[in-house]
């Protein structure tokens, strides 16, 4: 029989057991801490991989957000995207006479379309030499029986000319007191180097065609044979951009009186801004309406304004004077909430922006997991139903009352399903993930997103504003920045005039040329009102 342990041995064993248990507890605590840290690291890793994939898609993937053929009539591109499909020009739309009847449908005729009959034409006749105008069979002289005509489009490069102004001097032959000098017509830039036509060409080339001023200076030197400093060109554009400010102010008055106003903003870099570095971000704010005036039946307006900040104070200044009770459509930028609350506006949110968040979340998933059961895909499908209602109403030519009825009958139940899906999943997804951001953005904007079904006049999204701001973003890729604050303000003013011309179907070059000639003679508010693009007399030029 083994000897029993002594009291000292028993106490030593108990102490060793207690130390072992304490050590095990410490190891278990360290394991729990390590597991928690590992979960955090894995979560951060997944979030960073998600962000990396998003940036890679922005750089290398297609910019279109269309996920199916049923969405081919919807556009969800950013203003900076160049991949949006433009509508065909009017002259490219097949006429009824250009179609051929085939079983089941009409098909457009093949071949080149005729050139514009309004273009000037130069006829070049090609005749046989006299010695070849003889019949090879009987030797009789050949007679002309008609012509076979083909047309080619020819381009004459820019023609640069000089307008020489000669002011005639008069003097009395009897004394020295009758010296007179013929007056020179007032100009938009007194003693300026460029005519109104040249200034209009420069502004149109930059703000409609995206041609930077330094390239224009090179073109003028090539066609005119004279080196013209780019600073001279830039200074002239700044001065005419400042001169048109009264007309831009009238456009703002007309826009703020409209029942529905769209708002957005985009970045702009200004190199020489007092108190700020050249790399600091400035902004161009865009405002537009498709129907100006109190009743919303006036001409559409596109307005751009420069500001060094994106603050609420800037937004309040831009929307000061907007009619109370008007409708404002914007993205989710929170300063617009303050504007709407202060001015008593009906604030709508953009479903295209909301969908974009879910599209990014869906694209972050592996391709094998992007099925219809994915939560982001379910939201995209529901949003697609809302747009289907809008597209069908547009195809059917529904009036405002009918559009309101369809929204209440067809779109409102979809919104209810979406709200239930949102509430059921809002707190079950990591907020910092792309899907979490999409859910929280939708929840934060929900009261503004669902409001569009209340009235057929309301827009479902802010895409028309993004399309209006796209020419500025495309041009910015070419000229990159503004040199001075004055240049940024001038650019915003000239963009406003030219884009308003564009949406009203007015030739921007002809308008600016007529405007620059008429501006020096304007004195009163009524004079400036007659210089708006839809009122000015373009035939007087």
Protein backbone atom coordinates (compact mmCIF):
# COMPACT_ATOMS: atom_id res chain seq x y z
CA UNK A 1 0.00 0.00 0.00
CA UNK A 2 1.40 3.34 -1.10
CA UNK A 3 2.25 5.89 1.50
CA UNK A 4 -0.20 8.78 1.87
CA UNK A 5 1.20 12.23 0.94
CA UNK A 6 2.19 14.42 3.75
CA UNK A 7 0.40 17.67 4.54
CA UNK A 8 3.18 19.67 2.95
CA UNK A 9 3.02 17.60 -0.25
CA UNK A 10 -0.77 17.92 -0.38
CA UNK A 11 -0.59 21.74 -0.02
CA UNK A 12 2.10 21.89 -2.72
CA UNK A 13 -0.08 19.87 -5.09
CA UNK A 14 -3.06 22.12 -4.44
CA UNK A 15 -0.95 25.22 -5.06
CA UNK A 16 0.39 23.76 -8.34
CA UNK A 17 -3.16 22.90 -9.43
CA UNK A 18 -4.34 26.45 -8.66
CA UNK A 19 -1.42 27.92 -10.61
CA UNK A 20 -2.19 25.63 -13.56
CA UNK A 21 -5.85 26.68 -13.51
CA UNK A 22 -4.85 30.33 -13.32
CA UNK A 23 -2.45 29.84 -16.22
CA UNK A 24 -5.16 28.13 -18.26
CA UNK A 25 -7.56 31.00 -17.57
CA UNK A 26 -4.93 33.52 -18.69
CA UNK A 27 -4.33 31.52 -21.86
CA UNK A 28 -8.08 31.33 -22.48
CA UNK A 29 -8.34 35.12 -22.02
CA UNK A 30 -5.48 35.67 -24.42
CA UNK A 31 -7.14 33.31 -26.92
CA UNK A 32 -10.42 35.23 -26.69
CA UNK A 33 -8.55 38.51 -27.19
CA UNK A 34 -6.64 37.09 -30.13
CA UNK A 35 -9.83 35.75 -31.70
CA UNK A 36 -11.49 39.14 -31.27
CA UNK A 37 -8.53 40.92 -32.81
CA UNK A 38 -8.51 38.38 -35.63
CA UNK A 39 -12.17 39.05 -36.34
CA UNK A 40 -11.47 42.79 -36.43
CA UNK A 41 -8.49 42.29 -38.74
CA UNK A 42 -10.52 40.04 -41.02
CA UNK A 43 -13.34 42.60 -41.11
CA UNK A 44 -10.92 45.42 -41.89
CA UNK A 45 -9.31 43.24 -44.53
CA UNK A 46 -12.66 42.53 -46.17
CA UNK A 47 -13.58 46.23 -46.10
CA UNK A 48 -10.25 47.22 -47.63
CA UNK A 49 -10.54 44.52 -50.31
CA UNK A 50 -14.04 45.80 -51.05
CA UNK A 51 -12.75 49.36 -51.41
CA UNK A 52 -9.84 48.20 -53.55
CA UNK A 53 -12.15 46.31 -55.88
CA UNK A 54 -14.40 49.36 -56.10
CA UNK A 55 -11.49 51.61 -57.10
CA UNK A 56 -10.27 49.04 -59.62
CA UNK A 57 -13.73 48.92 -61.19
CA UNK A 58 -13.82 52.72 -61.38
CA UNK A 59 -10.46 52.74 -63.17
CA UNK A 60 -10.75 49.74 -65.47
CA UNK A 61 -14.32 48.42 -65.61
CA UNK A 62 -17.17 49.62 -67.80
CA UNK A 63 -18.89 52.71 -66.45
CA UNK A 64 -22.39 51.58 -67.34
CA UNK A 65 -24.58 50.50 -64.44
CA UNK A 66 -27.14 48.67 -66.56
CA UNK A 67 -27.39 45.12 -65.24
CA UNK A 68 -29.93 43.65 -67.65
CA UNK A 69 -31.66 44.08 -70.96
CA UNK A 70 -34.84 45.22 -69.23
CA UNK A 71 -32.95 48.33 -68.10
CA UNK A 72 -31.79 49.42 -71.54
CA UNK A 73 -33.94 52.54 -71.37
CA UNK A 74 -32.49 53.65 -68.01
CA UNK A 75 -29.37 55.69 -67.44
CA UNK A 76 -27.52 55.70 -64.15
CA UNK A 77 -24.07 57.09 -65.12
CA UNK A 78 -22.15 59.67 -63.10
CA UNK A 79 -21.71 63.19 -64.52
CA UNK A 80 -18.02 62.45 -65.02
CA UNK A 81 -18.78 59.27 -66.98
CA UNK A 82 -18.16 59.42 -70.72
CA UNK A 83 -19.89 56.17 -71.51
CA UNK A 84 -23.49 57.39 -71.53
CA UNK A 85 -25.10 56.76 -74.87
CA UNK A 86 -26.17 60.03 -76.49
CA UNK A 87 -29.47 60.43 -78.24
CA UNK A 88 -29.21 60.39 -82.03
CA UNK A 89 -29.13 63.77 -83.71
CA UNK A 90 -32.25 64.93 -85.47
CA UNK A 91 -30.69 64.61 -88.91
CA UNK A 92 -29.73 60.99 -88.16
CA UNK A 93 -33.28 59.86 -87.42
CA UNK A 94 -34.69 57.96 -90.39
CA UNK A 95 -37.66 59.67 -92.01
CA UNK A 96 -40.67 57.79 -93.29
CA UNK A 97 -39.42 58.31 -96.85
CA UNK A 98 -36.10 56.67 -95.93
CA UNK A 99 -37.73 53.39 -94.90
CA UNK A 100 -38.34 50.24 -96.91
CA UNK A 101 -41.35 48.01 -96.23
CA UNK A 102 -40.39 44.42 -95.49
CA UNK A 103 -42.63 41.66 -94.14
CA UNK A 104 -43.48 42.48 -90.54
CA UNK A 105 -41.78 45.86 -90.15
CA UNK A 106 -40.08 48.81 -91.82
CA UNK A 107 -36.34 48.86 -92.40
CA UNK A 108 -34.25 51.96 -92.99
CA UNK A 109 -32.74 52.27 -96.46
CA UNK A 110 -29.12 51.37 -96.71
CA UNK A 111 -26.40 53.67 -97.97
CA UNK A 112 -25.33 57.20 -97.15
CA UNK A 113 -27.91 59.76 -96.20
CA UNK A 114 -28.09 62.95 -98.26
CA UNK A 115 -26.10 65.94 -97.08
CA UNK A 116 -27.85 68.96 -95.63
CA UNK A 117 -29.55 70.80 -98.53
CA UNK A 118 -28.99 74.13 -96.72
CA UNK A 119 -25.22 73.87 -97.12
CA UNK A 120 -23.70 75.99 -99.92
CA UNK A 121 -22.77 73.96 -102.98
CA UNK A 122 -20.06 74.31 -105.58
CA UNK A 123 -20.77 72.43 -108.81
CA UNK A 124 -17.82 70.80 -110.56
CA UNK A 125 -18.67 69.47 -114.06
CA UNK A 126 -16.73 66.56 -115.48
CA UNK A 127 -17.07 66.45 -119.30
CA UNK A 128 -15.64 64.19 -121.97
CA UNK A 129 -12.91 65.67 -124.14
CA UNK A 130 -14.10 66.84 -127.57
CA UNK A 131 -12.31 63.95 -129.28
CA UNK A 132 -14.25 61.34 -127.26
CA UNK A 133 -17.75 62.74 -127.92
CA UNK A 134 -18.18 60.45 -131.00
CA UNK A 135 -20.29 57.30 -131.28
CA UNK A 136 -17.99 54.32 -131.87
CA UNK A 137 -20.65 52.63 -134.05
CA UNK A 138 -21.67 55.24 -136.62
CA UNK A 139 -19.39 58.22 -135.89
CA UNK A 140 -22.25 60.58 -134.94
CA UNK A 141 -21.56 63.36 -132.41
CA UNK A 142 -22.73 62.53 -128.86
CA UNK A 143 -25.27 64.85 -127.20
CA UNK A 144 -25.68 65.60 -123.50
CA UNK A 145 -28.75 63.86 -122.08
CA UNK A 146 -28.25 64.46 -118.36
CA UNK A 147 -25.80 64.18 -115.47
CA UNK A 148 -25.01 61.63 -112.80
CA UNK A 149 -24.45 63.54 -109.56
CA UNK A 150 -22.59 62.56 -106.42
CA UNK A 151 -21.83 64.81 -103.47
CA UNK A 152 -18.85 65.06 -101.12
CA UNK A 153 -18.53 67.12 -97.94
CA UNK A 154 -15.71 69.67 -98.09
CA UNK A 155 -14.29 71.68 -95.19
CA UNK A 156 -12.63 75.06 -95.45
CA UNK A 157 -10.32 75.71 -92.45
CA UNK A 158 -10.89 78.73 -90.25
CA UNK A 159 -10.44 81.96 -92.11
CA UNK A 160 -8.80 84.62 -89.99
CA UNK A 161 -9.11 88.19 -91.15
CA UNK A 162 -8.49 91.66 -89.78
CA UNK A 163 -11.20 94.30 -89.43
CA UNK A 164 -9.60 97.70 -89.86
CA UNK A 165 -11.54 100.54 -88.24
CA UNK A 166 -10.84 103.94 -89.79
CA UNK A 167 -12.30 106.88 -87.90
CA UNK A 168 -12.50 109.84 -90.25
CA UNK A 169 -11.24 113.17 -88.94
CA UNK A 170 -12.94 116.45 -89.87
CA UNK A 171 -11.63 119.99 -89.49
CA UNK A 172 -12.85 123.48 -90.28
CA UNK A 173 -10.85 125.08 -93.14
CA UNK A 174 -11.23 128.51 -91.60
CA UNK A 175 -10.24 127.98 -87.94
CA UNK A 176 -8.85 125.47 -85.47
CA UNK A 177 -12.04 125.11 -83.40
CA UNK A 178 -13.97 122.68 -85.60
CA UNK A 179 -11.92 119.48 -85.23
CA UNK A 180 -14.24 116.44 -85.15
CA UNK A 181 -13.63 112.66 -85.09
CA UNK A 182 -16.17 110.03 -86.12
CA UNK A 183 -17.28 107.88 -83.18
CA UNK A 184 -16.49 104.19 -83.07
CA UNK A 185 -19.34 101.80 -82.16
CA UNK A 186 -19.32 100.63 -78.56
CA UNK A 187 -17.70 97.25 -77.99
CA UNK A 188 -18.09 94.64 -75.28
CA UNK A 189 -14.34 95.00 -74.62
CA UNK A 190 -13.33 98.61 -75.28
CA UNK A 191 -10.18 98.73 -77.44
CA UNK A 192 -10.15 94.93 -77.47
CA UNK A 193 -8.08 92.96 -79.95
CA UNK A 194 -10.86 90.53 -80.95
CA UNK A 195 -14.18 91.15 -82.65
CA UNK A 196 -17.46 89.89 -81.24
CA UNK A 197 -17.39 87.02 -83.74
CA UNK A 198 -13.89 85.99 -82.65
CA UNK A 199 -14.87 86.13 -78.97
CA UNK A 200 -17.96 84.04 -79.64
CA UNK A 201 -15.86 81.47 -81.52
CA UNK A 202 -13.37 81.22 -78.64
CA UNK A 203 -16.07 80.82 -75.99
CA UNK A 204 -17.97 78.24 -78.04
CA UNK A 205 -14.81 76.28 -78.83
CA UNK A 206 -13.87 76.05 -75.15
CA UNK A 207 -17.21 75.61 -73.42
CA UNK A 208 -19.05 73.53 -76.03
CA UNK A 209 -16.19 71.73 -77.81
CA UNK A 210 -13.77 71.45 -74.88
CA UNK A 211 -10.89 73.13 -76.75
CA UNK A 212 -8.46 74.74 -74.25
CA UNK A 213 -7.44 78.34 -74.87
CA UNK A 214 -3.78 77.52 -75.45
CA UNK A 215 -4.80 75.28 -78.36
CA UNK A 216 -7.00 78.04 -79.70
CA UNK A 217 -4.04 80.43 -79.58
CA UNK A 218 -2.03 77.88 -81.58
CA UNK A 219 -4.83 77.59 -84.15
CA UNK A 220 -5.04 81.38 -84.52
CA UNK A 221 -1.30 81.49 -85.08
CA UNK A 222 -1.48 78.73 -87.68
CA UNK A 223 -4.36 80.20 -89.67
CA UNK A 224 -3.65 83.87 -89.05
CA UNK A 225 0.10 83.84 -89.41
CA UNK A 226 0.50 85.89 -86.22
CA UNK A 227 1.55 84.64 -82.81
CA UNK A 228 -1.13 85.57 -80.28
CA UNK A 229 -0.41 85.18 -76.60
CA UNK A 230 -2.61 82.74 -74.75
CA UNK A 231 -2.80 85.30 -71.93
CA UNK A 232 -4.44 87.72 -74.36
CA UNK A 233 -7.00 85.09 -75.33
CA UNK A 234 -7.65 84.14 -71.70
CA UNK A 235 -7.96 87.76 -70.59
CA UNK A 236 -10.51 88.46 -73.30
CA UNK A 237 -12.63 85.45 -72.31
CA UNK A 238 -12.57 86.57 -68.67
CA UNK A 239 -13.73 90.06 -69.60
CA UNK A 240 -16.67 88.92 -71.73
CA UNK A 241 -17.56 86.39 -69.03
CA UNK A 242 -17.81 89.28 -66.58
CA UNK A 243 -19.73 91.45 -69.03
CA UNK A 244 -22.58 88.93 -69.37
CA UNK A 245 -23.26 88.90 -65.61
CA UNK A 246 -26.52 90.93 -65.90
CA UNK A 247 -27.93 88.38 -68.33
CA UNK A 248 -26.90 85.51 -66.05
CA UNK A 249 -28.62 87.28 -63.13
CA UNK A 250 -31.85 87.38 -65.13
CA UNK A 251 -31.50 83.67 -65.87
CA UNK A 252 -31.17 83.05 -62.14
CA UNK A 253 -34.35 85.05 -61.44
CA UNK A 254 -36.24 82.99 -64.02
CA UNK A 255 -34.87 79.72 -62.64
CA UNK A 256 -35.64 80.45 -58.99
CA UNK A 257 -39.21 81.29 -59.96
CA UNK A 258 -39.73 77.82 -61.47
CA UNK A 259 -41.86 75.19 -59.68
CA UNK A 260 -39.17 72.46 -59.98
CA UNK A 261 -35.40 73.05 -59.63
CA UNK A 262 -32.61 70.48 -59.85
CA UNK A 263 -29.31 70.95 -57.99
CA UNK A 264 -25.85 69.39 -58.06
CA UNK A 265 -22.19 70.33 -57.72
CA UNK A 266 -18.82 69.17 -59.04
CA UNK A 267 -15.17 69.87 -58.32
CA UNK A 268 -13.01 72.54 -59.95
CA UNK A 269 -9.36 73.38 -59.37
CA UNK A 270 -8.34 77.05 -59.27
CA UNK A 271 -4.60 77.66 -59.22
CA UNK A 272 -4.38 81.25 -58.04
CA UNK A 273 -6.92 81.67 -55.28
CA UNK A 274 -5.97 84.02 -52.42
CA UNK A 275 -5.30 82.20 -49.18
CA UNK A 276 -5.56 78.72 -50.68
CA UNK A 277 -3.11 76.29 -52.20
CA UNK A 278 -3.25 75.39 -55.88
CA UNK A 279 -4.27 71.84 -54.94
CA UNK A 280 -7.32 72.94 -52.91
CA UNK A 281 -10.73 71.84 -54.17
CA UNK A 282 -13.20 74.43 -55.33
CA UNK A 283 -16.65 73.78 -56.72
CA UNK A 284 -19.02 74.62 -59.53
CA UNK A 285 -22.66 74.45 -58.47
CA UNK A 286 -25.20 73.52 -61.12
CA UNK A 287 -28.87 74.48 -61.07
CA UNK A 288 -31.42 73.76 -63.76
CA UNK A 289 -35.07 73.61 -64.58
CA UNK A 290 -36.92 72.13 -67.53
CA UNK A 291 -39.67 74.73 -67.23
CA UNK A 292 -38.97 78.26 -66.03
CA UNK A 293 -41.47 80.86 -64.90
CA UNK A 294 -44.24 80.69 -62.34
CA UNK A 295 -46.25 78.09 -64.23
CA UNK A 296 -43.26 76.02 -65.30
CA UNK A 297 -43.96 76.40 -69.02
CA UNK A 298 -41.10 78.75 -69.84
CA UNK A 299 -37.83 77.84 -71.57
CA UNK A 300 -35.49 75.40 -69.81
CA UNK A 301 -32.47 76.94 -68.08
CA UNK A 302 -29.03 75.61 -67.16
CA UNK A 303 -27.09 77.66 -64.62
CA UNK A 304 -23.55 77.26 -63.25
CA UNK A 305 -21.95 79.15 -60.36
CA UNK A 306 -18.43 79.07 -58.94
CA UNK A 307 -17.64 78.92 -55.23
CA UNK A 308 -14.47 78.04 -53.31
CA UNK A 309 -16.48 75.96 -50.85
CA UNK A 310 -19.23 73.38 -50.64
CA UNK A 311 -20.70 74.87 -47.50
CA UNK A 312 -24.28 75.37 -46.44
CA UNK A 313 -23.76 79.15 -46.56
CA UNK A 314 -22.89 78.90 -50.26
CA UNK A 315 -25.96 76.80 -50.98
CA UNK A 316 -28.18 79.20 -49.05
CA UNK A 317 -26.89 82.10 -51.14
CA UNK A 318 -27.46 80.29 -54.43
CA UNK A 319 -31.04 79.40 -53.55
CA UNK A 320 -31.92 82.70 -51.87
CA UNK A 321 -35.14 83.99 -53.39
CA UNK A 322 -36.49 80.65 -54.58
CA UNK A 323 -40.27 80.55 -54.48
CA UNK A 324 -41.75 79.06 -51.33
CA UNK A 325 -43.28 75.66 -51.89
CA UNK A 326 -41.16 74.90 -54.95
CA UNK A 327 -39.81 71.39 -55.51
CA UNK A 328 -36.06 70.77 -55.28
CA UNK A 329 -34.43 67.57 -56.54
CA UNK A 330 -30.90 66.83 -55.31
CA UNK A 331 -28.61 64.03 -54.27
CA UNK A 332 -28.04 63.14 -50.61
CA UNK A 333 -25.69 66.03 -49.77
CA UNK A 334 -26.99 67.29 -46.42
CA UNK A 335 -26.64 71.04 -47.07
CA UNK A 336 -29.64 70.81 -49.39
CA UNK A 337 -31.73 69.68 -46.42
CA UNK A 338 -31.03 73.00 -44.71
CA UNK A 339 -31.93 74.92 -47.87
CA UNK A 340 -35.21 73.03 -48.23
CA UNK A 341 -36.09 73.51 -44.57
CA UNK A 342 -35.23 77.23 -44.55
CA UNK A 343 -36.97 78.06 -47.82
CA UNK A 344 -40.00 75.83 -47.27
CA UNK A 345 -39.34 73.57 -50.26
CA UNK A 346 -40.56 70.12 -51.17
CA UNK A 347 -37.32 68.14 -51.17
CA UNK A 348 -36.96 65.06 -53.39
CA UNK A 349 -34.11 62.56 -53.34
CA UNK A 350 -32.61 60.81 -56.35
CA UNK A 351 -33.35 57.13 -56.99
CA UNK A 352 -30.43 56.89 -59.43
CA UNK A 353 -27.98 57.80 -56.65
CA UNK A 354 -29.66 55.28 -54.35
CA UNK A 355 -29.40 52.53 -56.95
CA UNK A 356 -25.73 53.36 -57.54
CA UNK A 357 -24.90 52.41 -53.94
CA UNK A 358 -26.54 48.99 -54.35
CA UNK A 359 -24.87 48.52 -57.73
CA UNK A 360 -21.45 49.10 -56.15
CA UNK A 361 -22.30 46.64 -53.36
CA UNK A 362 -23.39 44.00 -55.86
CA UNK A 363 -20.28 44.42 -57.99
CA UNK A 364 -18.14 43.94 -54.88
CA UNK A 365 -19.43 40.38 -54.57
CA UNK A 366 -17.66 37.56 -56.42
CA UNK A 367 -19.24 36.87 -59.80
CA UNK A 368 -20.46 33.49 -58.63
CA UNK A 369 -22.47 35.16 -55.85
CA UNK A 370 -24.19 37.92 -57.83
CA UNK A 371 -27.43 36.06 -58.14
CA UNK A 372 -30.94 37.47 -57.78
CA UNK A 373 -31.07 36.32 -54.15
CA UNK A 374 -28.33 38.74 -53.12
CA UNK A 375 -29.77 41.55 -50.98
CA UNK A 376 -28.28 44.25 -53.23
CA UNK A 377 -29.72 42.51 -56.30
CA UNK A 378 -33.16 42.40 -54.70
CA UNK A 379 -33.08 46.15 -54.10
CA UNK A 380 -31.90 46.78 -57.66
CA UNK A 381 -34.76 44.66 -58.99
CA UNK A 382 -37.30 46.63 -56.95
CA UNK A 383 -35.85 49.95 -58.13
CA UNK A 384 -36.05 48.60 -61.67
CA UNK A 385 -39.80 48.11 -61.19
CA UNK A 386 -40.14 51.78 -60.24
CA UNK A 387 -38.33 52.83 -63.40
CA UNK A 388 -40.39 50.44 -65.49
CA UNK A 389 -43.53 52.29 -64.40
CA UNK A 390 -41.94 55.62 -65.40
CA UNK A 391 -40.73 54.29 -68.76
CA UNK A 392 -44.12 52.78 -69.60
CA UNK A 393 -45.91 56.02 -68.73
CA UNK A 394 -43.52 57.93 -70.99
CA UNK A 395 -44.05 55.49 -73.87
CA UNK A 396 -47.81 55.76 -73.46
CA UNK A 397 -47.70 59.56 -73.40
CA UNK A 398 -49.47 59.69 -70.03
CA UNK A 399 -50.45 63.14 -68.77
CA UNK A 400 -49.76 64.36 -65.24
CA UNK A 401 -52.98 62.96 -63.78
CA UNK A 402 -52.43 59.57 -65.36
CA UNK A 403 -48.79 59.48 -64.27
CA UNK A 404 -49.85 60.27 -60.69
CA UNK A 405 -52.46 57.50 -60.81
CA UNK A 406 -49.93 54.96 -62.09
CA UNK A 407 -47.44 55.89 -59.43
CA UNK A 408 -50.04 55.52 -56.68
CA UNK A 409 -51.34 52.24 -58.09
CA UNK A 410 -48.13 50.56 -59.34
CA UNK A 411 -45.15 52.23 -57.66
CA UNK A 412 -46.48 52.72 -54.11
CA UNK A 413 -46.76 48.94 -53.42
CA UNK A 414 -43.18 48.47 -54.63
CA UNK A 415 -42.06 51.16 -52.19
CA UNK A 416 -43.83 49.35 -49.36
CA UNK A 417 -42.05 46.09 -50.20
CA UNK A 418 -38.75 47.91 -50.36
CA UNK A 419 -39.31 49.60 -47.00
CA UNK A 420 -40.04 46.26 -45.33
CA UNK A 421 -36.90 44.75 -46.86
CA UNK A 422 -34.89 47.76 -45.72
CA UNK A 423 -36.08 47.64 -42.10
CA UNK A 424 -35.52 43.88 -41.91
CA UNK A 425 -31.85 44.14 -42.96
CA UNK A 426 -30.73 47.61 -41.90
CA UNK A 427 -28.98 46.51 -38.69
CA UNK A 428 -27.82 43.09 -39.84
CA UNK A 429 -25.06 44.36 -42.16
CA UNK A 430 -21.77 46.00 -41.23
CA UNK A 431 -22.38 49.77 -41.63
CA UNK A 432 -18.92 50.42 -43.12
CA UNK A 433 -19.39 47.85 -45.90
CA UNK A 434 -20.66 48.91 -49.32
CA UNK A 435 -23.97 47.16 -48.71
CA UNK A 436 -24.23 48.75 -45.26
CA UNK A 437 -23.61 52.17 -46.76
CA UNK A 438 -26.29 51.51 -49.37
CA UNK A 439 -28.83 50.50 -46.72
CA UNK A 440 -28.08 53.43 -44.42
CA UNK A 441 -28.10 55.92 -47.33
CA UNK A 442 -31.50 54.61 -48.40
CA UNK A 443 -32.83 54.76 -44.85
CA UNK A 444 -31.57 58.32 -44.38
CA UNK A 445 -33.12 59.48 -47.65
CA UNK A 446 -36.28 57.37 -47.52
CA UNK A 447 -38.76 60.12 -46.71
CA UNK A 448 -37.45 62.09 -49.70
CA UNK A 449 -37.13 59.07 -52.00
CA UNK A 450 -40.76 57.94 -51.67
CA UNK A 451 -42.22 61.44 -52.06
CA UNK A 452 -42.09 61.48 -55.86
CA UNK A 453 -45.20 59.26 -56.12
CA UNK A 454 -47.35 62.03 -54.64
CA UNK A 455 -47.40 64.12 -57.82
CA UNK A 456 -46.87 63.34 -61.50
CA UNK A 457 -44.86 66.55 -61.91
CA UNK A 458 -42.14 65.30 -59.59
CA UNK A 459 -39.06 63.66 -61.05
CA UNK A 460 -37.89 60.22 -59.97
CA UNK A 461 -34.20 61.10 -60.16
CA UNK A 462 -31.62 63.81 -60.75
CA UNK A 463 -30.31 62.38 -64.02
CA UNK A 464 -31.31 65.41 -66.09
CA UNK A 465 -29.07 67.53 -63.87
CA UNK A 466 -26.18 65.10 -64.23
CA UNK A 467 -26.63 65.15 -68.00
CA UNK A 468 -26.57 68.95 -67.90
CA UNK A 469 -23.37 69.03 -65.87
CA UNK A 470 -21.65 66.39 -68.03
CA UNK A 471 -20.39 68.88 -70.71
CA UNK A 472 -18.57 70.79 -67.98
CA UNK A 473 -16.99 67.58 -66.68
CA UNK A 474 -15.97 66.50 -70.17
CA UNK A 475 -14.43 69.90 -70.88
CA UNK A 476 -12.59 69.80 -67.55
CA UNK A 477 -10.71 66.72 -68.76
CA UNK A 478 -9.18 68.93 -71.47
CA UNK A 479 -8.50 72.28 -69.81
CA UNK A 480 -8.07 70.73 -66.32
CA UNK A 481 -8.29 73.90 -64.19
CA UNK A 482 -9.01 77.62 -64.01
CA UNK A 483 -6.05 79.92 -63.48
CA UNK A 484 -7.81 82.61 -61.43
CA UNK A 485 -11.02 83.16 -59.50
CA UNK A 486 -12.17 85.67 -62.13
CA UNK A 487 -11.63 83.02 -64.79
CA UNK A 488 -13.69 80.50 -62.83
CA UNK A 489 -16.60 82.95 -62.52
CA UNK A 490 -16.35 83.83 -66.21
CA UNK A 491 -16.33 80.15 -67.17
CA UNK A 492 -19.44 79.49 -65.08
CA UNK A 493 -21.26 82.42 -66.72
CA UNK A 494 -20.39 81.40 -70.27
CA UNK A 495 -21.24 77.76 -69.56
CA UNK A 496 -24.63 78.94 -68.30
CA UNK A 497 -25.38 80.87 -71.49
CA UNK A 498 -24.17 78.19 -73.89
CA UNK A 499 -25.84 75.26 -72.15
CA UNK A 500 -29.10 77.20 -71.95
CA UNK A 501 -28.80 77.81 -75.68
CA UNK A 502 -28.13 74.16 -76.27
CA UNK A 503 -31.16 72.89 -74.37
CA UNK A 504 -33.36 75.44 -76.19
CA UNK A 505 -32.08 74.43 -79.64
CA UNK A 506 -30.31 77.76 -80.25
CA UNK A 507 -26.95 78.09 -82.01
CA UNK A 508 -24.59 79.10 -79.20
CA UNK A 509 -22.09 80.82 -81.50
CA UNK A 510 -24.72 82.98 -83.20
CA UNK A 511 -26.24 83.86 -79.84
CA UNK A 512 -22.95 84.94 -78.25
CA UNK A 513 -22.00 86.96 -81.31
CA UNK A 514 -25.32 88.82 -81.24
CA UNK A 515 -25.16 89.18 -77.45
CA UNK A 516 -21.65 90.66 -77.45
CA UNK A 517 -22.71 93.21 -80.06
CA UNK A 518 -25.87 94.22 -78.20
CA UNK A 519 -24.50 94.28 -74.63
CA UNK A 520 -22.78 97.69 -74.83
CA UNK A 521 -26.09 99.32 -75.81
CA UNK A 522 -28.13 97.79 -72.94
CA UNK A 523 -28.97 100.23 -70.16
CA UNK A 524 -32.13 99.11 -68.37
CA UNK A 525 -33.45 95.83 -66.99
CA UNK A 526 -35.81 95.59 -69.96
CA UNK A 527 -32.87 95.98 -72.34
CA UNK A 528 -31.05 93.10 -70.68
CA UNK A 529 -34.23 91.00 -70.61
CA UNK A 530 -34.38 91.23 -74.41
CA UNK A 531 -30.89 89.70 -74.56
CA UNK A 532 -31.97 86.32 -73.17
CA UNK A 533 -31.30 83.55 -75.66
CA UNK A 534 -34.97 82.92 -76.48
CA UNK A 535 -35.72 86.65 -76.97
CA UNK A 536 -32.69 88.10 -78.75
CA UNK A 537 -32.98 88.82 -82.47
CA UNK A 538 -30.46 86.56 -84.18
CA UNK A 539 -31.49 87.70 -87.66
CA UNK A 540 -30.30 91.26 -87.04
CA UNK A 541 -26.66 90.15 -87.19
